[in-house]
């Protein structure tokens, strides 16, 4: 009998609101990151990994899965210290190293520091997971402040360039870069205009970078999630939208972060040796074409 849950909560969810960037402890219901269910099988034994936004949400689920698959981690996060420490605890319970680095990845120098810290703490870099993101909801174009547009691009796509550029010289044949895109890459939500635009850019960046780094043996792919129950949702959406989050997808609910971990594991593993430039959609039945 599988220990993986199959009865995740469906809308309506409790209306709730948090300040940006949001915290896991204040979410209702609590998200499942695979703490009790993910079982590793050595797919990433000895791999050295950077995960941005690894403190919560998809990043935490990926961190737990990677650690249980045998990887050592550096987790980059903005300011959510309690969430980051909790994730580090789960990694350490799996018997793996976890280095935490606090700071803003919209800053190029900080991105270079993340890479240098990973090289020093882990001895090198085999996998880079560009996962951190910023979003805000606006119902009218004229409501979007210029600095909000710039912040979204700096956080969501500029950081991927800074990190990939700094990390690639430390990565060898068989290494992997995995970027978090979105269903918004192909089907943009107009109230998430800045976010959706960056997600389209991430998909294009992934496809181009895969070709640019192919001769070095570095694979580059992206995962495109649909709705996922993370702190970003109650922190950036109106309470009534939170309550119905995921309702209009064929499966009828948002994904739990734990349900996103398997494709990140697959794309990081040596079993994905011929997969590069791909987008893996995890969208609850909503097609990406």
C-alpha atoms as a PDB file:
ATOM      1  CA  UNK A   1       0.000   0.000   0.000  1.00  0.00           C
ATOM      2  CA  UNK A   2       1.395   3.415  -1.030  1.00  0.00           C
ATOM      3  CA  UNK A   3       2.038   5.968   1.723  1.00  0.00           C
ATOM      4  CA  UNK A   4       1.531   8.845  -0.722  1.00  0.00           C
ATOM      5  CA  UNK A   5      -1.643  10.831   0.101  1.00  0.00           C
ATOM      6  CA  UNK A   6      -4.410  10.886  -2.512  1.00  0.00           C
ATOM      7  CA  UNK A   7      -7.048  12.933  -0.683  1.00  0.00           C
ATOM      8  CA  UNK A   8      -5.538  16.411  -0.736  1.00  0.00           C
ATOM      9  CA  UNK A   9      -7.817  19.367   0.151  1.00  0.00           C
ATOM     10  CA  UNK A  10     -10.048  20.813  -2.565  1.00  0.00           C
ATOM     11  CA  UNK A  11     -11.624  24.277  -2.729  1.00  0.00           C
ATOM     12  CA  UNK A  12     -13.209  26.027  -1.052  1.00  0.00           C
ATOM     13  CA  UNK A  13     -10.215  26.713   1.190  1.00  0.00           C
ATOM     14  CA  UNK A  14     -10.337  29.087   4.164  1.00  0.00           C
ATOM     15  CA  UNK A  15     -10.065  32.724   3.122  1.00  0.00           C
ATOM     16  CA  UNK A  16      -6.701  34.014   4.376  1.00  0.00           C
ATOM     17  CA  UNK A  17      -4.168  36.747   3.806  1.00  0.00           C
ATOM     18  CA  UNK A  18      -0.490  37.095   4.705  1.00  0.00           C
ATOM     19  CA  UNK A  19       2.183  39.690   4.238  1.00  0.00           C
ATOM     20  CA  UNK A  20       4.790  39.161   1.533  1.00  0.00           C
ATOM     21  CA  UNK A  21       6.576  36.742   1.161  1.00  0.00           C
ATOM     22  CA  UNK A  22       4.375  34.605   3.425  1.00  0.00           C
ATOM     23  CA  UNK A  23       5.204  31.799   5.846  1.00  0.00           C
ATOM     24  CA  UNK A  24       4.302  28.125   5.980  1.00  0.00           C
ATOM     25  CA  UNK A  25       3.153  28.117   9.615  1.00  0.00           C
ATOM     26  CA  UNK A  26       0.309  30.563   8.946  1.00  0.00           C
ATOM     27  CA  UNK A  27      -1.210  28.578   6.063  1.00  0.00           C
ATOM     28  CA  UNK A  28      -4.484  26.684   6.477  1.00  0.00           C
ATOM     29  CA  UNK A  29      -4.464  23.889   5.525  1.00  0.00           C
ATOM     30  CA  UNK A  30      -0.762  23.202   5.992  1.00  0.00           C
ATOM     31  CA  UNK A  31       0.983  22.235   2.739  1.00  0.00           C
ATOM     32  CA  UNK A  32       2.480  18.773   2.253  1.00  0.00           C
ATOM     33  CA  UNK A  33       6.156  18.862   1.220  1.00  0.00           C
ATOM     34  CA  UNK A  34       6.643  15.109   1.429  1.00  0.00           C
ATOM     35  CA  UNK A  35       7.868  15.211   5.012  1.00  0.00           C
ATOM     36  CA  UNK A  36       6.100  11.954   5.863  1.00  0.00           C
ATOM     37  CA  UNK A  37       5.805  10.324   2.444  1.00  0.00           C
ATOM     38  CA  UNK A  38       8.773  10.920   0.143  1.00  0.00           C
ATOM     39  CA  UNK A  39      11.110   7.928   0.004  1.00  0.00           C
ATOM     40  CA  UNK A  40      14.420   8.183  -1.798  1.00  0.00           C
ATOM     41  CA  UNK A  41      16.240   5.503  -3.735  1.00  0.00           C
ATOM     42  CA  UNK A  42      19.724   6.936  -4.266  1.00  0.00           C
ATOM     43  CA  UNK A  43      19.020   8.732  -7.553  1.00  0.00           C
ATOM     44  CA  UNK A  44      21.150  11.748  -6.577  1.00  0.00           C
ATOM     45  CA  UNK A  45      23.822  10.151  -4.408  1.00  0.00           C
ATOM     46  CA  UNK A  46      26.755  12.524  -3.979  1.00  0.00           C
ATOM     47  CA  UNK A  47      25.229  15.364  -6.005  1.00  0.00           C
ATOM     48  CA  UNK A  48      25.861  18.941  -4.868  1.00  0.00           C
ATOM     49  CA  UNK A  49      22.880  21.242  -5.279  1.00  0.00           C
ATOM     50  CA  UNK A  50      21.831  24.896  -5.112  1.00  0.00           C
ATOM     51  CA  UNK A  51      18.097  25.535  -4.674  1.00  0.00           C
ATOM     52  CA  UNK A  52      16.779  29.099  -4.668  1.00  0.00           C
ATOM     53  CA  UNK A  53      13.587  29.647  -2.725  1.00  0.00           C
ATOM     54  CA  UNK A  54      14.302  26.378  -0.939  1.00  0.00           C
ATOM     55  CA  UNK A  55      12.825  27.475   2.375  1.00  0.00           C
ATOM     56  CA  UNK A  56       9.172  26.737   1.559  1.00  0.00           C
ATOM     57  CA  UNK A  57       6.723  25.585  -1.100  1.00  0.00           C
ATOM     58  CA  UNK A  58       8.103  23.780  -4.124  1.00  0.00           C
ATOM     59  CA  UNK A  59      11.656  24.551  -3.022  1.00  0.00           C
ATOM     60  CA  UNK A  60      11.197  22.814   0.330  1.00  0.00           C
ATOM     61  CA  UNK A  61       9.622  19.770  -1.312  1.00  0.00           C
ATOM     62  CA  UNK A  62      12.508  19.539  -3.760  1.00  0.00           C
ATOM     63  CA  UNK A  63      15.045  19.968  -0.955  1.00  0.00           C
ATOM     64  CA  UNK A  64      13.505  17.130   1.070  1.00  0.00           C
ATOM     65  CA  UNK A  65      13.352  14.855  -1.970  1.00  0.00           C
ATOM     66  CA  UNK A  66      16.909  15.646  -3.084  1.00  0.00           C
ATOM     67  CA  UNK A  67      18.287  15.042   0.411  1.00  0.00           C
ATOM     68  CA  UNK A  68      16.519  11.682   0.640  1.00  0.00           C
ATOM     69  CA  UNK A  69      17.922  10.840  -2.797  1.00  0.00           C
ATOM     70  CA  UNK A  70      21.440  11.435  -1.440  1.00  0.00           C
ATOM     71  CA  UNK A  71      22.286  15.058  -2.350  1.00  0.00           C
ATOM     72  CA  UNK A  72      23.939  17.795  -0.281  1.00  0.00           C
ATOM     73  CA  UNK A  73      22.334  21.225  -0.522  1.00  0.00           C
ATOM     74  CA  UNK A  74      22.761  24.957  -0.392  1.00  0.00           C
ATOM     75  CA  UNK A  75      19.394  26.647   0.102  1.00  0.00           C
ATOM     76  CA  UNK A  76      19.025  30.286  -0.867  1.00  0.00           C
ATOM     77  CA  UNK A  77      16.103  32.233   0.608  1.00  0.00           C
ATOM     78  CA  UNK A  78      14.961  35.833   0.988  1.00  0.00           C
ATOM     79  CA  UNK A  79      14.145  36.449   4.665  1.00  0.00           C
ATOM     80  CA  UNK A  80      11.953  33.614   5.985  1.00  0.00           C
ATOM     81  CA  UNK A  81      14.403  32.365   8.626  1.00  0.00           C
ATOM     82  CA  UNK A  82      12.048  29.988  10.428  1.00  0.00           C
ATOM     83  CA  UNK A  83      10.943  28.302   7.205  1.00  0.00           C
ATOM     84  CA  UNK A  84      14.561  27.994   6.071  1.00  0.00           C
ATOM     85  CA  UNK A  85      15.658  26.420   9.356  1.00  0.00           C
ATOM     86  CA  UNK A  86      12.790  23.929   9.208  1.00  0.00           C
ATOM     87  CA  UNK A  87      13.803  22.883   5.699  1.00  0.00           C
ATOM     88  CA  UNK A  88      17.433  22.543   6.794  1.00  0.00           C
ATOM     89  CA  UNK A  89      16.307  20.322   9.659  1.00  0.00           C
ATOM     90  CA  UNK A  90      14.564  17.953   7.244  1.00  0.00           C
ATOM     91  CA  UNK A  91      17.676  17.815   5.053  1.00  0.00           C
ATOM     92  CA  UNK A  92      19.882  17.057   8.045  1.00  0.00           C
ATOM     93  CA  UNK A  93      17.468  14.352   9.257  1.00  0.00           C
ATOM     94  CA  UNK A  94      18.147  12.666   5.929  1.00  0.00           C
ATOM     95  CA  UNK A  95      21.849  12.690   6.812  1.00  0.00           C
ATOM     96  CA  UNK A  96      22.836  15.337   4.287  1.00  0.00           C
ATOM     97  CA  UNK A  97      24.597  18.711   4.443  1.00  0.00           C
ATOM     98  CA  UNK A  98      22.497  21.882   4.250  1.00  0.00           C
ATOM     99  CA  UNK A  99      24.013  25.364   3.927  1.00  0.00           C
ATOM    100  CA  UNK A 100      21.570  28.290   4.288  1.00  0.00           C
ATOM    101  CA  UNK A 101      22.195  31.597   2.512  1.00  0.00           C
ATOM    102  CA  UNK A 102      19.882  34.538   3.233  1.00  0.00           C
ATOM    103  CA  UNK A 103      19.503  37.416   0.785  1.00  0.00           C
ATOM    104  CA  UNK A 104      17.942  38.915  -2.316  1.00  0.00           C
ATOM    105  CA  UNK A 105      18.666  37.087  -5.583  1.00  0.00           C
ATOM    106  CA  UNK A 106      17.641  40.132  -7.605  1.00  0.00           C
ATOM    107  CA  UNK A 107      21.142  41.393  -6.774  1.00  0.00           C
ATOM    108  CA  UNK A 108      23.828  40.043  -9.106  1.00  0.00           C
ATOM    109  CA  UNK A 109      26.567  40.158  -6.478  1.00  0.00           C
ATOM    110  CA  UNK A 110      24.442  38.123  -4.086  1.00  0.00           C
ATOM    111  CA  UNK A 111      23.906  35.491  -6.796  1.00  0.00           C
ATOM    112  CA  UNK A 112      27.652  35.227  -7.254  1.00  0.00           C
ATOM    113  CA  UNK A 113      28.034  34.869  -3.477  1.00  0.00           C
ATOM    114  CA  UNK A 114      25.534  31.975  -3.471  1.00  0.00           C
ATOM    115  CA  UNK A 115      27.620  30.133  -6.047  1.00  0.00           C
ATOM    116  CA  UNK A 116      30.893  30.787  -4.222  1.00  0.00           C
ATOM    117  CA  UNK A 117      29.376  29.664  -0.919  1.00  0.00           C
ATOM    118  CA  UNK A 118      28.176  26.451  -2.580  1.00  0.00           C
ATOM    119  CA  UNK A 119      31.613  25.715  -3.992  1.00  0.00           C
ATOM    120  CA  UNK A 120      33.190  26.269  -0.578  1.00  0.00           C
ATOM    121  CA  UNK A 121      30.567  24.399   1.468  1.00  0.00           C
ATOM    122  CA  UNK A 122      29.839  21.505  -0.897  1.00  0.00           C
ATOM    123  CA  UNK A 123      33.053  21.229  -2.902  1.00  0.00           C
ATOM    124  CA  UNK A 124      31.394  21.975  -6.238  1.00  0.00           C
ATOM    125  CA  UNK A 125      28.057  22.232  -8.030  1.00  0.00           C
ATOM    126  CA  UNK A 126      26.245  19.496  -9.927  1.00  0.00           C
ATOM    127  CA  UNK A 127      22.678  20.809  -9.941  1.00  0.00           C
ATOM    128  CA  UNK A 128      21.256  24.338  -9.947  1.00  0.00           C
ATOM    129  CA  UNK A 129      17.526  24.678  -9.268  1.00  0.00           C
ATOM    130  CA  UNK A 130      16.334  28.202 -10.084  1.00  0.00           C
ATOM    131  CA  UNK A 131      13.043  28.158  -8.224  1.00  0.00           C
ATOM    132  CA  UNK A 132      12.526  31.417  -6.290  1.00  0.00           C
ATOM    133  CA  UNK A 133       9.905  33.802  -7.631  1.00  0.00           C
ATOM    134  CA  UNK A 134       7.954  36.963  -6.888  1.00  0.00           C
ATOM    135  CA  UNK A 135       4.408  37.791  -7.954  1.00  0.00           C
ATOM    136  CA  UNK A 136       1.669  40.294  -7.204  1.00  0.00           C
ATOM    137  CA  UNK A 137      -1.913  40.510  -8.451  1.00  0.00           C
ATOM    138  CA  UNK A 138      -3.192  43.615 -10.271  1.00  0.00           C
ATOM    139  CA  UNK A 139      -6.544  43.972 -12.015  1.00  0.00           C
ATOM    140  CA  UNK A 140      -5.578  46.934 -14.235  1.00  0.00           C
ATOM    141  CA  UNK A 141      -2.445  47.759 -16.240  1.00  0.00           C
ATOM    142  CA  UNK A 142      -2.314  51.245 -14.742  1.00  0.00           C
ATOM    143  CA  UNK A 143      -2.251  49.757 -11.228  1.00  0.00           C
ATOM    144  CA  UNK A 144       1.159  48.112 -11.785  1.00  0.00           C
ATOM    145  CA  UNK A 145       3.937  50.312 -10.366  1.00  0.00           C
ATOM    146  CA  UNK A 146       7.125  50.586 -12.406  1.00  0.00           C
ATOM    147  CA  UNK A 147       9.232  49.317  -9.528  1.00  0.00           C
ATOM    148  CA  UNK A 148       6.949  46.297  -9.105  1.00  0.00           C
ATOM    149  CA  UNK A 149       7.468  45.365 -12.771  1.00  0.00           C
ATOM    150  CA  UNK A 150      11.230  45.761 -12.380  1.00  0.00           C
ATOM    151  CA  UNK A 151      11.326  43.768  -9.134  1.00  0.00           C
ATOM    152  CA  UNK A 152       9.433  40.869 -10.719  1.00  0.00           C
ATOM    153  CA  UNK A 153      11.852  40.658 -13.636  1.00  0.00           C
ATOM    154  CA  UNK A 154      14.926  41.044 -11.424  1.00  0.00           C
ATOM    155  CA  UNK A 155      13.799  38.283  -9.080  1.00  0.00           C
ATOM    156  CA  UNK A 156      12.276  35.831 -11.544  1.00  0.00           C
ATOM    157  CA  UNK A 157      14.486  35.943 -14.648  1.00  0.00           C
ATOM    158  CA  UNK A 158      17.533  38.186 -14.131  1.00  0.00           C
ATOM    159  CA  UNK A 159      18.591  36.023 -11.180  1.00  0.00           C
ATOM    160  CA  UNK A 160      18.534  32.902 -13.346  1.00  0.00           C
ATOM    161  CA  UNK A 161      21.006  34.537 -15.720  1.00  0.00           C
ATOM    162  CA  UNK A 162      23.275  35.678 -12.865  1.00  0.00           C
ATOM    163  CA  UNK A 163      23.243  32.263 -11.182  1.00  0.00           C
ATOM    164  CA  UNK A 164      23.664  30.188 -14.330  1.00  0.00           C
ATOM    165  CA  UNK A 165      26.511  32.404 -15.515  1.00  0.00           C
ATOM    166  CA  UNK A 166      28.314  32.081 -12.178  1.00  0.00           C
ATOM    167  CA  UNK A 167      27.588  28.373 -11.674  1.00  0.00           C
ATOM    168  CA  UNK A 168      28.311  26.956 -15.134  1.00  0.00           C
ATOM    169  CA  UNK A 169      32.133  27.222 -14.841  1.00  0.00           C
ATOM    170  CA  UNK A 170      31.909  25.006 -11.730  1.00  0.00           C
ATOM    171  CA  UNK A 171      29.662  22.407 -13.373  1.00  0.00           C
ATOM    172  CA  UNK A 172      30.924  19.435 -15.349  1.00  0.00           C
ATOM    173  CA  UNK A 173      29.645  16.851 -17.773  1.00  0.00           C
ATOM    174  CA  UNK A 174      26.341  15.430 -16.515  1.00  0.00           C
ATOM    175  CA  UNK A 175      25.383  18.510 -14.496  1.00  0.00           C
ATOM    176  CA  UNK A 176      21.879  19.956 -14.683  1.00  0.00           C
ATOM    177  CA  UNK A 177      20.104  23.288 -14.409  1.00  0.00           C
ATOM    178  CA  UNK A 178      16.378  23.164 -13.658  1.00  0.00           C
ATOM    179  CA  UNK A 179      14.275  26.315 -13.847  1.00  0.00           C
ATOM    180  CA  UNK A 180      10.774  26.772 -12.458  1.00  0.00           C
ATOM    181  CA  UNK A 181       8.484  28.123 -15.163  1.00  0.00           C
ATOM    182  CA  UNK A 182       4.663  28.014 -14.946  1.00  0.00           C
ATOM    183  CA  UNK A 183       1.414  27.266 -16.741  1.00  0.00           C
ATOM    184  CA  UNK A 184       1.534  31.053 -17.175  1.00  0.00           C
ATOM    185  CA  UNK A 185       4.373  30.536 -19.653  1.00  0.00           C
ATOM    186  CA  UNK A 186       1.796  29.407 -22.213  1.00  0.00           C
ATOM    187  CA  UNK A 187      -1.494  30.545 -20.683  1.00  0.00           C
ATOM    188  CA  UNK A 188      -0.877  33.905 -18.996  1.00  0.00           C
ATOM    189  CA  UNK A 189      -3.192  35.093 -16.247  1.00  0.00           C
ATOM    190  CA  UNK A 190      -3.869  38.766 -17.038  1.00  0.00           C
ATOM    191  CA  UNK A 191      -3.971  39.718 -13.345  1.00  0.00           C
ATOM    192  CA  UNK A 192      -0.424  38.339 -12.999  1.00  0.00           C
ATOM    193  CA  UNK A 193       0.927  40.220 -16.013  1.00  0.00           C
ATOM    194  CA  UNK A 194       4.489  40.818 -14.793  1.00  0.00           C
ATOM    195  CA  UNK A 195       4.834  37.317 -13.318  1.00  0.00           C
ATOM    196  CA  UNK A 196       3.358  35.610 -16.373  1.00  0.00           C
ATOM    197  CA  UNK A 197       5.647  37.572 -18.693  1.00  0.00           C
ATOM    198  CA  UNK A 198       8.723  36.486 -16.741  1.00  0.00           C
ATOM    199  CA  UNK A 199       7.572  32.871 -16.840  1.00  0.00           C
ATOM    200  CA  UNK A 200       7.374  33.006 -20.628  1.00  0.00           C
ATOM    201  CA  UNK A 201      10.900  34.434 -20.618  1.00  0.00           C
ATOM    202  CA  UNK A 202      12.085  31.581 -18.369  1.00  0.00           C
ATOM    203  CA  UNK A 203      10.822  28.982 -20.813  1.00  0.00           C
ATOM    204  CA  UNK A 204      12.647  30.711 -23.667  1.00  0.00           C
ATOM    205  CA  UNK A 205      15.787  31.186 -21.541  1.00  0.00           C
ATOM    206  CA  UNK A 206      15.748  27.470 -20.739  1.00  0.00           C
ATOM    207  CA  UNK A 207      15.513  26.426 -24.376  1.00  0.00           C
ATOM    208  CA  UNK A 208      18.310  28.753 -25.444  1.00  0.00           C
ATOM    209  CA  UNK A 209      20.611  27.952 -22.532  1.00  0.00           C
ATOM    210  CA  UNK A 210      20.188  24.227 -23.162  1.00  0.00           C
ATOM    211  CA  UNK A 211      21.683  24.710 -26.605  1.00  0.00           C
ATOM    212  CA  UNK A 212      24.414  27.052 -25.365  1.00  0.00           C
ATOM    213  CA  UNK A 213      25.647  24.629 -22.681  1.00  0.00           C
ATOM    214  CA  UNK A 214      25.145  21.341 -24.534  1.00  0.00           C
ATOM    215  CA  UNK A 215      28.791  21.054 -25.558  1.00  0.00           C
ATOM    216  CA  UNK A 216      29.786  21.235 -21.869  1.00  0.00           C
ATOM    217  CA  UNK A 217      27.496  18.328 -21.027  1.00  0.00           C
ATOM    218  CA  UNK A 218      25.221  20.525 -18.905  1.00  0.00           C
ATOM    219  CA  UNK A 219      21.514  19.842 -19.364  1.00  0.00           C
ATOM    220  CA  UNK A 220      18.943  22.639 -18.899  1.00  0.00           C
ATOM    221  CA  UNK A 221      15.217  22.043 -18.447  1.00  0.00           C
ATOM    222  CA  UNK A 222      12.240  23.643 -16.771  1.00  0.00           C
ATOM    223  CA  UNK A 223       9.233  22.475 -14.804  1.00  0.00           C
ATOM    224  CA  UNK A 224       5.962  24.314 -15.437  1.00  0.00           C
ATOM    225  CA  UNK A 225       3.624  23.959 -12.457  1.00  0.00           C
ATOM    226  CA  UNK A 226      -0.032  24.806 -12.433  1.00  0.00           C
ATOM    227  CA  UNK A 227      -1.512  26.093  -9.157  1.00  0.00           C
ATOM    228  CA  UNK A 228       0.522  24.985  -6.125  1.00  0.00           C
ATOM    229  CA  UNK A 229      -0.398  25.579  -2.469  1.00  0.00           C
ATOM    230  CA  UNK A 230       2.565  27.651  -1.235  1.00  0.00           C
ATOM    231  CA  UNK A 231       2.949  30.744   1.008  1.00  0.00           C
ATOM    232  CA  UNK A 232       3.094  32.909  -2.118  1.00  0.00           C
ATOM    233  CA  UNK A 233      -0.639  32.336  -2.671  1.00  0.00           C
ATOM    234  CA  UNK A 234      -2.110  33.850   0.534  1.00  0.00           C
ATOM    235  CA  UNK A 235       0.646  36.484   0.459  1.00  0.00           C
ATOM    236  CA  UNK A 236      -0.116  37.795  -3.037  1.00  0.00           C
ATOM    237  CA  UNK A 237      -3.763  37.025  -3.860  1.00  0.00           C
ATOM    238  CA  UNK A 238      -7.061  38.397  -2.509  1.00  0.00           C
ATOM    239  CA  UNK A 239      -8.683  36.144   0.130  1.00  0.00           C
ATOM    240  CA  UNK A 240     -11.582  35.213  -2.160  1.00  0.00           C
ATOM    241  CA  UNK A 241      -9.138  34.040  -4.844  1.00  0.00           C
ATOM    242  CA  UNK A 242      -7.236  32.017  -2.255  1.00  0.00           C
ATOM    243  CA  UNK A 243     -10.467  30.268  -1.270  1.00  0.00           C
ATOM    244  CA  UNK A 244     -11.080  29.082  -4.846  1.00  0.00           C
ATOM    245  CA  UNK A 245      -7.430  28.497  -5.759  1.00  0.00           C
ATOM    246  CA  UNK A 246      -7.096  25.577  -8.193  1.00  0.00           C
ATOM    247  CA  UNK A 247     -10.855  25.062  -8.554  1.00  0.00           C
ATOM    248  CA  UNK A 248     -10.892  25.658 -12.330  1.00  0.00           C
ATOM    249  CA  UNK A 249      -8.273  22.982 -13.113  1.00  0.00           C
ATOM    250  CA  UNK A 250      -9.413  19.544 -14.330  1.00  0.00           C
ATOM    251  CA  UNK A 251      -8.240  17.757 -11.171  1.00  0.00           C
ATOM    252  CA  UNK A 252     -10.260  20.307  -9.226  1.00  0.00           C
ATOM    253  CA  UNK A 253      -7.628  21.535  -6.782  1.00  0.00           C
ATOM    254  CA  UNK A 254      -4.183  23.028  -6.411  1.00  0.00           C
ATOM    255  CA  UNK A 255      -1.160  20.754  -6.222  1.00  0.00           C
ATOM    256  CA  UNK A 256       0.633  20.184  -2.955  1.00  0.00           C
ATOM    257  CA  UNK A 257       4.378  20.971  -3.145  1.00  0.00           C
ATOM    258  CA  UNK A 258       5.154  17.275  -2.615  1.00  0.00           C
ATOM    259  CA  UNK A 259       3.503  16.519  -5.975  1.00  0.00           C
ATOM    260  CA  UNK A 260       6.050  18.704  -7.778  1.00  0.00           C
ATOM    261  CA  UNK A 261       9.160  17.016  -6.379  1.00  0.00           C
ATOM    262  CA  UNK A 262       9.303  13.914  -8.652  1.00  0.00           C
ATOM    263  CA  UNK A 263       9.912  15.772 -11.948  1.00  0.00           C
ATOM    264  CA  UNK A 264      12.680  17.829 -10.337  1.00  0.00           C
ATOM    265  CA  UNK A 265      14.289  14.588  -9.151  1.00  0.00           C
ATOM    266  CA  UNK A 266      13.974  12.986 -12.578  1.00  0.00           C
ATOM    267  CA  UNK A 267      15.456  15.991 -14.419  1.00  0.00           C
ATOM    268  CA  UNK A 268      18.374  16.171 -11.976  1.00  0.00           C
ATOM    269  CA  UNK A 269      19.190  12.482 -12.191  1.00  0.00           C
ATOM    270  CA  UNK A 270      21.567  10.796 -14.612  1.00  0.00           C
ATOM    271  CA  UNK A 271      18.555   8.891 -15.959  1.00  0.00           C
ATOM    272  CA  UNK A 272      17.555  12.122 -17.747  1.00  0.00           C
ATOM    273  CA  UNK A 273      20.817  12.198 -19.690  1.00  0.00           C
ATOM    274  CA  UNK A 274      19.127  12.882 -23.046  1.00  0.00           C
ATOM    275  CA  UNK A 275      16.537  15.380 -21.778  1.00  0.00           C
ATOM    276  CA  UNK A 276      17.561  18.992 -22.315  1.00  0.00           C
ATOM    277  CA  UNK A 277      15.643  22.068 -23.447  1.00  0.00           C
ATOM    278  CA  UNK A 278      12.384  20.499 -22.296  1.00  0.00           C
ATOM    279  CA  UNK A 279       9.419  21.827 -20.362  1.00  0.00           C
ATOM    280  CA  UNK A 280       7.763  19.328 -18.029  1.00  0.00           C
ATOM    281  CA  UNK A 281       4.182  20.422 -17.326  1.00  0.00           C
ATOM    282  CA  UNK A 282       2.700  19.550 -13.910  1.00  0.00           C
ATOM    283  CA  UNK A 283      -0.654  21.223 -14.366  1.00  0.00           C
ATOM    284  CA  UNK A 284      -3.413  19.011 -13.010  1.00  0.00           C
ATOM    285  CA  UNK A 285      -4.790  18.157 -16.433  1.00  0.00           C
ATOM    286  CA  UNK A 286      -4.701  21.636 -18.022  1.00  0.00           C
ATOM    287  CA  UNK A 287      -2.805  21.272 -21.321  1.00  0.00           C
ATOM    288  CA  UNK A 288       0.266  23.255 -22.317  1.00  0.00           C
ATOM    289  CA  UNK A 289       0.582  23.252 -26.108  1.00  0.00           C
END
